[in-house]
C-alpha cells in the first residue's frame, strides 16, 4: 500500500517546491507536476505526484478527521 500526504505549495520552484504539511514545511521534488503557490498537492516519497482541486482536498481532510 502506498501512502501520499496532502500538502499546500508555499514556494514553487523549477525542480523543487516548499510544501506545508499542517504547519511542517518540507522541500520536495516538483518536476513531475507543474505547481504554483497555494496548490493542494499529494506527495509520496518526497515527490509531488498530483495536484488536487479545493473540493478534493477538502474531502481528503474530512476523511483524515474521521480516521482520528
C-alpha atoms as a PDB file:
ATOM      1  CA  UNK A   1       0.000   0.000   0.000  1.00  0.00           C
ATOM      2  CA  UNK A   2       1.298   3.464  -0.909  1.00  0.00           C
ATOM      3  CA  UNK A   3       0.528   6.456   1.246  1.00  0.00           C
ATOM      4  CA  UNK A   4       0.536  10.004  -0.108  1.00  0.00           C
ATOM      5  CA  UNK A   5       0.402  13.059   2.131  1.00  0.00           C
ATOM      6  CA  UNK A   6      -1.756  16.123   1.436  1.00  0.00           C
ATOM      7  CA  UNK A   7       0.058  19.466   1.479  1.00  0.00           C
ATOM      8  CA  UNK A   8      -0.081  23.038   0.191  1.00  0.00           C
ATOM      9  CA  UNK A   9       2.638  24.535  -2.000  1.00  0.00           C
ATOM     10  CA  UNK A  10       4.218  27.538  -0.254  1.00  0.00           C
ATOM     11  CA  UNK A  11       7.112  28.271  -2.601  1.00  0.00           C
ATOM     12  CA  UNK A  12       7.271  26.625  -6.036  1.00  0.00           C
ATOM     13  CA  UNK A  13      10.487  26.115  -7.928  1.00  0.00           C
ATOM     14  CA  UNK A  14      11.652  24.564 -11.169  1.00  0.00           C
ATOM     15  CA  UNK A  15      12.609  21.195  -9.680  1.00  0.00           C
ATOM     16  CA  UNK A  16      11.700  21.557  -6.005  1.00  0.00           C
ATOM     17  CA  UNK A  17       8.929  23.179  -4.011  1.00  0.00           C
ATOM     18  CA  UNK A  18       8.409  24.070  -0.367  1.00  0.00           C
ATOM     19  CA  UNK A  19       5.236  22.303   0.796  1.00  0.00           C
ATOM     20  CA  UNK A  20       3.332  22.868   4.059  1.00  0.00           C
ATOM     21  CA  UNK A  21       2.053  19.715   5.744  1.00  0.00           C
ATOM     22  CA  UNK A  22      -0.170  21.031   8.570  1.00  0.00           C
ATOM     23  CA  UNK A  23       2.458  23.506   9.747  1.00  0.00           C
ATOM     24  CA  UNK A  24       5.566  21.483   8.881  1.00  0.00           C
ATOM     25  CA  UNK A  25       7.286  22.809   5.773  1.00  0.00           C
ATOM     26  CA  UNK A  26       9.404  20.411   3.724  1.00  0.00           C
ATOM     27  CA  UNK A  27      11.214  20.804   0.420  1.00  0.00           C
ATOM     28  CA  UNK A  28      10.073  18.151  -2.079  1.00  0.00           C
ATOM     29  CA  UNK A  29      10.640  17.392  -5.753  1.00  0.00           C
ATOM     30  CA  UNK A  30       8.177  19.040  -8.115  1.00  0.00           C
ATOM     31  CA  UNK A  31       9.402  18.216 -11.617  1.00  0.00           C
ATOM     32  CA  UNK A  32       6.602  15.762 -12.468  1.00  0.00           C
ATOM     33  CA  UNK A  33       3.717  18.185 -11.866  1.00  0.00           C
ATOM     34  CA  UNK A  34       3.512  21.893 -12.721  1.00  0.00           C
ATOM     35  CA  UNK A  35       2.571  23.649  -9.461  1.00  0.00           C
ATOM     36  CA  UNK A  36       2.115  27.187  -8.202  1.00  0.00           C
ATOM     37  CA  UNK A  37       1.832  28.772  -4.767  1.00  0.00           C
ATOM     38  CA  UNK A  38      -1.339  27.717  -2.965  1.00  0.00           C
ATOM     39  CA  UNK A  39      -1.883  24.489  -4.921  1.00  0.00           C
ATOM     40  CA  UNK A  40      -3.121  21.478  -2.944  1.00  0.00           C
ATOM     41  CA  UNK A  41      -0.865  18.528  -3.751  1.00  0.00           C
ATOM     42  CA  UNK A  42      -0.293  14.892  -2.910  1.00  0.00           C
ATOM     43  CA  UNK A  43       3.292  13.977  -2.040  1.00  0.00           C
ATOM     44  CA  UNK A  44       4.666  10.445  -1.998  1.00  0.00           C
ATOM     45  CA  UNK A  45       8.290   9.552  -1.229  1.00  0.00           C
ATOM     46  CA  UNK A  46       9.297  13.234  -1.379  1.00  0.00           C
ATOM     47  CA  UNK A  47       7.805  13.821  -4.835  1.00  0.00           C
ATOM     48  CA  UNK A  48       4.670  15.764  -5.782  1.00  0.00           C
ATOM     49  CA  UNK A  49       2.602  13.222  -7.677  1.00  0.00           C
ATOM     50  CA  UNK A  50      -0.702  15.072  -8.170  1.00  0.00           C
ATOM     51  CA  UNK A  51      -2.489  18.409  -7.826  1.00  0.00           C
ATOM     52  CA  UNK A  52      -5.902  18.388  -6.151  1.00  0.00           C
ATOM     53  CA  UNK A  53      -8.861  20.708  -6.551  1.00  0.00           C
ATOM     54  CA  UNK A  54     -10.152  22.558  -3.483  1.00  0.00           C
ATOM     55  CA  UNK A  55     -13.078  20.120  -3.341  1.00  0.00           C
ATOM     56  CA  UNK A  56     -10.808  17.050  -3.464  1.00  0.00           C
ATOM     57  CA  UNK A  57      -8.514  18.485  -0.789  1.00  0.00           C
ATOM     58  CA  UNK A  58     -11.480  19.274   1.479  1.00  0.00           C
ATOM     59  CA  UNK A  59     -12.802  15.733   1.055  1.00  0.00           C
ATOM     60  CA  UNK A  60      -9.394  14.278   1.949  1.00  0.00           C
ATOM     61  CA  UNK A  61      -9.118  16.480   5.037  1.00  0.00           C
ATOM     62  CA  UNK A  62     -12.605  15.416   6.108  1.00  0.00           C
ATOM     63  CA  UNK A  63     -11.699  11.740   5.664  1.00  0.00           C
ATOM     64  CA  UNK A  64      -8.493  12.232   7.682  1.00  0.00           C
ATOM     65  CA  UNK A  65     -10.511  13.727  10.544  1.00  0.00           C
ATOM     66  CA  UNK A  66     -12.837  10.716  10.575  1.00  0.00           C
ATOM     67  CA  UNK A  67      -9.839   8.402  10.981  1.00  0.00           C
ATOM     68  CA  UNK A  68      -8.517  10.213  14.049  1.00  0.00           C
END
